[in-house]
Amino acid sequence: MIYQVCPVFVALDSPDRCIARIRTRAARGRHFVPHVEVRRRHTRSLANLAEAIRLADIAEVYDNSGDEHRALLVARAGVIVCRKTPLPRWAESLNLLKQVI
């Protein structure tokens, strides 16, 4: 049996947008996540993204900051094979093209 690691990373442009969406979700009776935890996870997940892409067999990255998600890039074996332009500011700030080999 052969396994592949294929993460799908869906991000928002800011922890504040995450918090607002969680607040809306919680008002509908769904689960709540403390603001401190949201901010910690947002920062940590963006910091780990380049390494996750590098280690994955296939990785996909999406921006969900707007009304609908938007595919940003696809990488195979750490090599970006498809990249949309322009990237949103949060993705540009990660310098993924410089970090991922």
N, C-alpha and C. Protein backbone atom coordinates (compact mmCIF):
# COMPACT_ATOMS: atom_id res chain seq x y z
N MET A 1 0.84 -1.18 0.00
CA MET A 1 0.00 0.00 0.00
C MET A 1 0.89 1.25 0.00
N ILE A 2 0.57 2.21 -0.84
CA ILE A 2 1.33 3.45 -0.93
C ILE A 2 0.46 4.59 -0.41
N TYR A 3 1.08 5.42 0.43
CA TYR A 3 0.38 6.57 0.98
C TYR A 3 1.01 7.84 0.45
N GLN A 4 0.18 8.86 0.31
CA GLN A 4 0.68 10.18 -0.05
C GLN A 4 0.18 11.17 1.00
N VAL A 5 0.98 12.19 1.24
CA VAL A 5 0.60 13.27 2.13
C VAL A 5 0.16 14.43 1.24
N CYS A 6 -1.11 14.82 1.38
CA CYS A 6 -1.69 15.84 0.50
C CYS A 6 -2.48 16.87 1.31
N PRO A 7 -1.79 17.77 2.01
CA PRO A 7 -2.53 18.77 2.80
C PRO A 7 -3.22 19.80 1.91
N VAL A 8 -4.37 20.23 2.39
CA VAL A 8 -5.11 21.32 1.77
C VAL A 8 -5.15 22.42 2.83
N PHE A 9 -4.50 23.53 2.53
CA PHE A 9 -4.38 24.62 3.49
C PHE A 9 -5.33 25.73 3.07
N VAL A 10 -6.28 26.06 3.95
CA VAL A 10 -7.26 27.11 3.70
C VAL A 10 -7.02 28.19 4.74
N ALA A 11 -6.71 29.40 4.27
CA ALA A 11 -6.37 30.48 5.19
C ALA A 11 -7.25 31.70 4.96
N LEU A 12 -7.32 32.52 5.97
CA LEU A 12 -7.94 33.83 5.90
C LEU A 12 -6.85 34.87 6.02
N ASP A 13 -7.16 36.08 5.62
CA ASP A 13 -6.16 37.14 5.61
C ASP A 13 -5.78 37.66 6.99
N SER A 14 -6.60 37.40 7.99
CA SER A 14 -6.28 37.91 9.33
C SER A 14 -6.97 37.08 10.40
N PRO A 15 -6.38 37.06 11.60
CA PRO A 15 -7.06 36.37 12.70
C PRO A 15 -8.36 37.08 13.07
N ASP A 16 -8.45 38.38 12.84
CA ASP A 16 -9.69 39.10 13.14
C ASP A 16 -10.85 38.60 12.28
N ARG A 17 -10.59 38.30 11.01
CA ARG A 17 -11.64 37.75 10.15
C ARG A 17 -12.03 36.35 10.65
N CYS A 18 -11.05 35.57 11.08
CA CYS A 18 -11.35 34.24 11.65
C CYS A 18 -12.25 34.39 12.88
N ILE A 19 -11.91 35.31 13.74
CA ILE A 19 -12.67 35.53 14.97
C ILE A 19 -14.10 35.94 14.64
N ALA A 20 -14.26 36.82 13.67
CA ALA A 20 -15.61 37.25 13.27
C ALA A 20 -16.43 36.07 12.75
N ARG A 21 -15.82 35.22 11.97
CA ARG A 21 -16.55 34.05 11.45
C ARG A 21 -16.88 33.07 12.56
N ILE A 22 -15.97 32.90 13.49
CA ILE A 22 -16.24 32.01 14.63
C ILE A 22 -17.38 32.57 15.47
N ARG A 23 -17.37 33.87 15.68
CA ARG A 23 -18.43 34.52 16.46
C ARG A 23 -19.80 34.26 15.80
N THR A 24 -19.86 34.41 14.48
CA THR A 24 -21.11 34.15 13.74
C THR A 24 -21.52 32.69 13.88
N ARG A 25 -20.56 31.80 13.74
CA ARG A 25 -20.84 30.37 13.85
C ARG A 25 -21.33 30.02 15.24
N ALA A 26 -20.68 30.58 16.27
CA ALA A 26 -21.06 30.29 17.66
C ALA A 26 -22.47 30.82 17.95
N ALA A 27 -22.84 31.95 17.36
CA ALA A 27 -24.18 32.51 17.55
C ALA A 27 -25.25 31.57 16.98
N ARG A 28 -24.86 30.73 16.06
CA ARG A 28 -25.78 29.74 15.46
C ARG A 28 -25.75 28.41 16.21
N GLY A 29 -25.07 28.39 17.36
CA GLY A 29 -25.03 27.19 18.17
C GLY A 29 -23.88 26.25 17.88
N ARG A 30 -22.98 26.65 17.02
CA ARG A 30 -21.83 25.81 16.71
C ARG A 30 -20.69 26.11 17.67
N HIS A 31 -19.60 25.40 17.54
CA HIS A 31 -18.54 25.51 18.54
C HIS A 31 -17.80 26.85 18.49
N PHE A 32 -17.28 27.22 19.62
CA PHE A 32 -16.56 28.47 19.82
C PHE A 32 -15.09 28.17 20.04
N VAL A 33 -14.22 29.06 19.59
CA VAL A 33 -12.78 28.95 19.83
C VAL A 33 -12.34 30.27 20.46
N PRO A 34 -11.65 30.23 21.60
CA PRO A 34 -11.21 31.47 22.24
C PRO A 34 -10.32 32.30 21.31
N HIS A 35 -10.46 33.62 21.39
CA HIS A 35 -9.71 34.55 20.52
C HIS A 35 -8.20 34.34 20.62
N VAL A 36 -7.71 34.12 21.81
CA VAL A 36 -6.26 33.92 21.99
C VAL A 36 -5.80 32.69 21.20
N GLU A 37 -6.60 31.65 21.22
CA GLU A 37 -6.26 30.41 20.50
C GLU A 37 -6.31 30.64 18.99
N VAL A 38 -7.28 31.40 18.52
CA VAL A 38 -7.38 31.70 17.08
C VAL A 38 -6.12 32.43 16.61
N ARG A 39 -5.72 33.44 17.36
CA ARG A 39 -4.53 34.21 16.98
C ARG A 39 -3.27 33.33 17.00
N ARG A 40 -3.16 32.48 18.00
CA ARG A 40 -2.00 31.59 18.09
C ARG A 40 -1.96 30.63 16.91
N ARG A 41 -3.10 30.03 16.60
CA ARG A 41 -3.17 29.07 15.49
C ARG A 41 -2.91 29.74 14.15
N HIS A 42 -3.46 30.92 13.96
CA HIS A 42 -3.28 31.63 12.69
C HIS A 42 -1.79 31.89 12.44
N THR A 43 -1.12 32.44 13.44
CA THR A 43 0.30 32.75 13.32
C THR A 43 1.13 31.48 13.11
N ARG A 44 0.85 30.47 13.91
CA ARG A 44 1.62 29.22 13.83
C ARG A 44 1.41 28.50 12.50
N SER A 45 0.18 28.46 12.03
CA SER A 45 -0.08 27.73 10.78
C SER A 45 0.58 28.42 9.59
N LEU A 46 0.55 29.76 9.54
CA LEU A 46 1.24 30.45 8.45
C LEU A 46 2.75 30.24 8.53
N ALA A 47 3.28 30.22 9.75
CA ALA A 47 4.72 30.00 9.93
C ALA A 47 5.15 28.61 9.46
N ASN A 48 4.26 27.64 9.55
CA ASN A 48 4.59 26.26 9.19
C ASN A 48 4.23 25.90 7.75
N LEU A 49 3.60 26.82 7.04
CA LEU A 49 3.08 26.49 5.71
C LEU A 49 4.18 26.09 4.72
N ALA A 50 5.25 26.85 4.62
CA ALA A 50 6.31 26.52 3.65
C ALA A 50 6.88 25.13 3.90
N GLU A 51 7.10 24.79 5.16
CA GLU A 51 7.64 23.46 5.48
C GLU A 51 6.64 22.36 5.13
N ALA A 52 5.36 22.60 5.38
CA ALA A 52 4.33 21.61 5.02
C ALA A 52 4.30 21.39 3.51
N ILE A 53 4.40 22.46 2.75
CA ILE A 53 4.42 22.34 1.29
C ILE A 53 5.66 21.56 0.85
N ARG A 54 6.79 21.85 1.45
CA ARG A 54 8.04 21.18 1.09
C ARG A 54 7.97 19.67 1.36
N LEU A 55 7.30 19.27 2.42
CA LEU A 55 7.25 17.86 2.82
C LEU A 55 6.14 17.06 2.13
N ALA A 56 5.15 17.76 1.60
CA ALA A 56 3.97 17.08 1.04
C ALA A 56 4.24 16.50 -0.34
N ASP A 57 3.51 15.44 -0.65
CA ASP A 57 3.55 14.91 -2.01
C ASP A 57 2.83 15.89 -2.95
N ILE A 58 1.66 16.30 -2.54
CA ILE A 58 0.89 17.31 -3.26
C ILE A 58 0.28 18.23 -2.20
N ALA A 59 0.40 19.53 -2.38
CA ALA A 59 -0.17 20.48 -1.43
C ALA A 59 -0.97 21.52 -2.20
N GLU A 60 -2.12 21.90 -1.63
CA GLU A 60 -2.94 22.94 -2.22
C GLU A 60 -3.14 24.03 -1.18
N VAL A 61 -3.12 25.29 -1.63
CA VAL A 61 -3.31 26.43 -0.73
C VAL A 61 -4.45 27.28 -1.29
N TYR A 62 -5.40 27.61 -0.40
CA TYR A 62 -6.56 28.41 -0.77
C TYR A 62 -6.68 29.62 0.14
N ASP A 63 -7.22 30.69 -0.42
CA ASP A 63 -7.56 31.88 0.35
C ASP A 63 -9.08 31.89 0.51
N ASN A 64 -9.55 31.98 1.74
CA ASN A 64 -10.98 31.98 2.02
C ASN A 64 -11.40 33.31 2.65
N SER A 65 -10.68 34.39 2.34
CA SER A 65 -10.95 35.69 2.95
C SER A 65 -12.20 36.36 2.38
N GLY A 66 -12.56 36.01 1.16
CA GLY A 66 -13.73 36.62 0.53
C GLY A 66 -14.97 35.78 0.73
N ASP A 67 -15.94 36.01 -0.13
CA ASP A 67 -17.20 35.26 -0.04
C ASP A 67 -17.04 33.81 -0.48
N GLU A 68 -16.06 33.56 -1.35
CA GLU A 68 -15.79 32.21 -1.82
C GLU A 68 -14.29 31.95 -1.76
N HIS A 69 -13.93 30.67 -1.61
CA HIS A 69 -12.50 30.36 -1.58
C HIS A 69 -11.88 30.58 -2.95
N ARG A 70 -10.57 30.80 -2.94
CA ARG A 70 -9.82 31.03 -4.18
C ARG A 70 -8.55 30.20 -4.13
N ALA A 71 -8.35 29.35 -5.12
CA ALA A 71 -7.14 28.55 -5.20
C ALA A 71 -5.96 29.47 -5.44
N LEU A 72 -4.88 29.28 -4.66
CA LEU A 72 -3.68 30.12 -4.79
C LEU A 72 -2.52 29.38 -5.42
N LEU A 73 -2.28 28.16 -4.94
CA LEU A 73 -1.15 27.42 -5.52
C LEU A 73 -1.30 25.93 -5.27
N VAL A 74 -0.59 25.20 -6.12
CA VAL A 74 -0.48 23.74 -5.99
C VAL A 74 1.00 23.42 -6.09
N ALA A 75 1.45 22.56 -5.20
CA ALA A 75 2.85 22.12 -5.23
C ALA A 75 2.90 20.59 -5.23
N ARG A 76 3.88 20.07 -5.95
CA ARG A 76 4.12 18.62 -5.98
C ARG A 76 5.57 18.40 -5.56
N ALA A 77 5.74 17.59 -4.53
CA ALA A 77 7.08 17.29 -4.01
C ALA A 77 7.87 18.57 -3.71
N GLY A 78 7.19 19.56 -3.17
CA GLY A 78 7.84 20.79 -2.77
C GLY A 78 8.06 21.80 -3.88
N VAL A 79 7.65 21.47 -5.09
CA VAL A 79 7.83 22.37 -6.23
C VAL A 79 6.47 22.95 -6.61
N ILE A 80 6.38 24.28 -6.65
CA ILE A 80 5.13 24.91 -7.02
C ILE A 80 4.91 24.71 -8.52
N VAL A 81 3.79 24.06 -8.86
CA VAL A 81 3.49 23.76 -10.26
C VAL A 81 2.38 24.65 -10.80
N CYS A 82 1.66 25.30 -9.93
CA CYS A 82 0.60 26.21 -10.35
C CYS A 82 0.48 27.31 -9.30
N ARG A 83 0.53 28.56 -9.76
CA ARG A 83 0.44 29.69 -8.83
C ARG A 83 -0.43 30.75 -9.48
N LYS A 84 -1.46 31.18 -8.76
CA LYS A 84 -2.34 32.24 -9.25
C LYS A 84 -1.73 33.60 -8.93
N THR A 85 -2.00 34.55 -9.80
CA THR A 85 -1.55 35.91 -9.54
C THR A 85 -2.73 36.85 -9.73
N PRO A 86 -2.77 37.89 -9.01
CA PRO A 86 -1.87 38.20 -7.91
C PRO A 86 -2.24 37.40 -6.66
N LEU A 87 -1.25 37.13 -5.84
CA LEU A 87 -1.52 36.50 -4.55
C LEU A 87 -2.04 37.56 -3.59
N PRO A 88 -2.88 37.17 -2.65
CA PRO A 88 -3.30 38.13 -1.63
C PRO A 88 -2.10 38.54 -0.78
N ARG A 89 -2.22 39.67 -0.14
CA ARG A 89 -1.11 40.23 0.64
C ARG A 89 -0.58 39.24 1.67
N TRP A 90 -1.47 38.52 2.36
CA TRP A 90 -0.99 37.60 3.41
C TRP A 90 -0.11 36.50 2.81
N ALA A 91 -0.45 36.04 1.61
CA ALA A 91 0.34 34.98 0.97
C ALA A 91 1.65 35.53 0.42
N GLU A 92 1.62 36.73 -0.16
CA GLU A 92 2.84 37.36 -0.65
C GLU A 92 3.84 37.55 0.48
N SER A 93 3.33 37.91 1.66
CA SER A 93 4.24 38.19 2.79
C SER A 93 4.98 36.95 3.27
N LEU A 94 4.52 35.77 2.89
CA LEU A 94 5.19 34.53 3.31
C LEU A 94 6.39 34.20 2.42
N ASN A 95 6.50 34.86 1.27
CA ASN A 95 7.59 34.60 0.33
C ASN A 95 7.69 33.12 -0.01
N LEU A 96 6.57 32.50 -0.30
CA LEU A 96 6.55 31.07 -0.56
C LEU A 96 7.42 30.67 -1.75
N LEU A 97 7.47 31.50 -2.76
CA LEU A 97 8.27 31.14 -3.93
C LEU A 97 9.75 31.10 -3.60
N LYS A 98 10.18 31.88 -2.63
CA LYS A 98 11.59 31.88 -2.24
C LYS A 98 11.90 30.73 -1.29
N GLN A 99 10.90 30.29 -0.52
CA GLN A 99 11.15 29.29 0.52
C GLN A 99 10.98 27.86 0.02
N VAL A 100 10.00 27.65 -0.85
CA VAL A 100 9.71 26.28 -1.28
C VAL A 100 10.61 25.95 -2.45
N ILE A 101 11.24 24.79 -2.37
CA ILE A 101 12.17 24.37 -3.42
C ILE A 101 11.51 23.34 -4.31
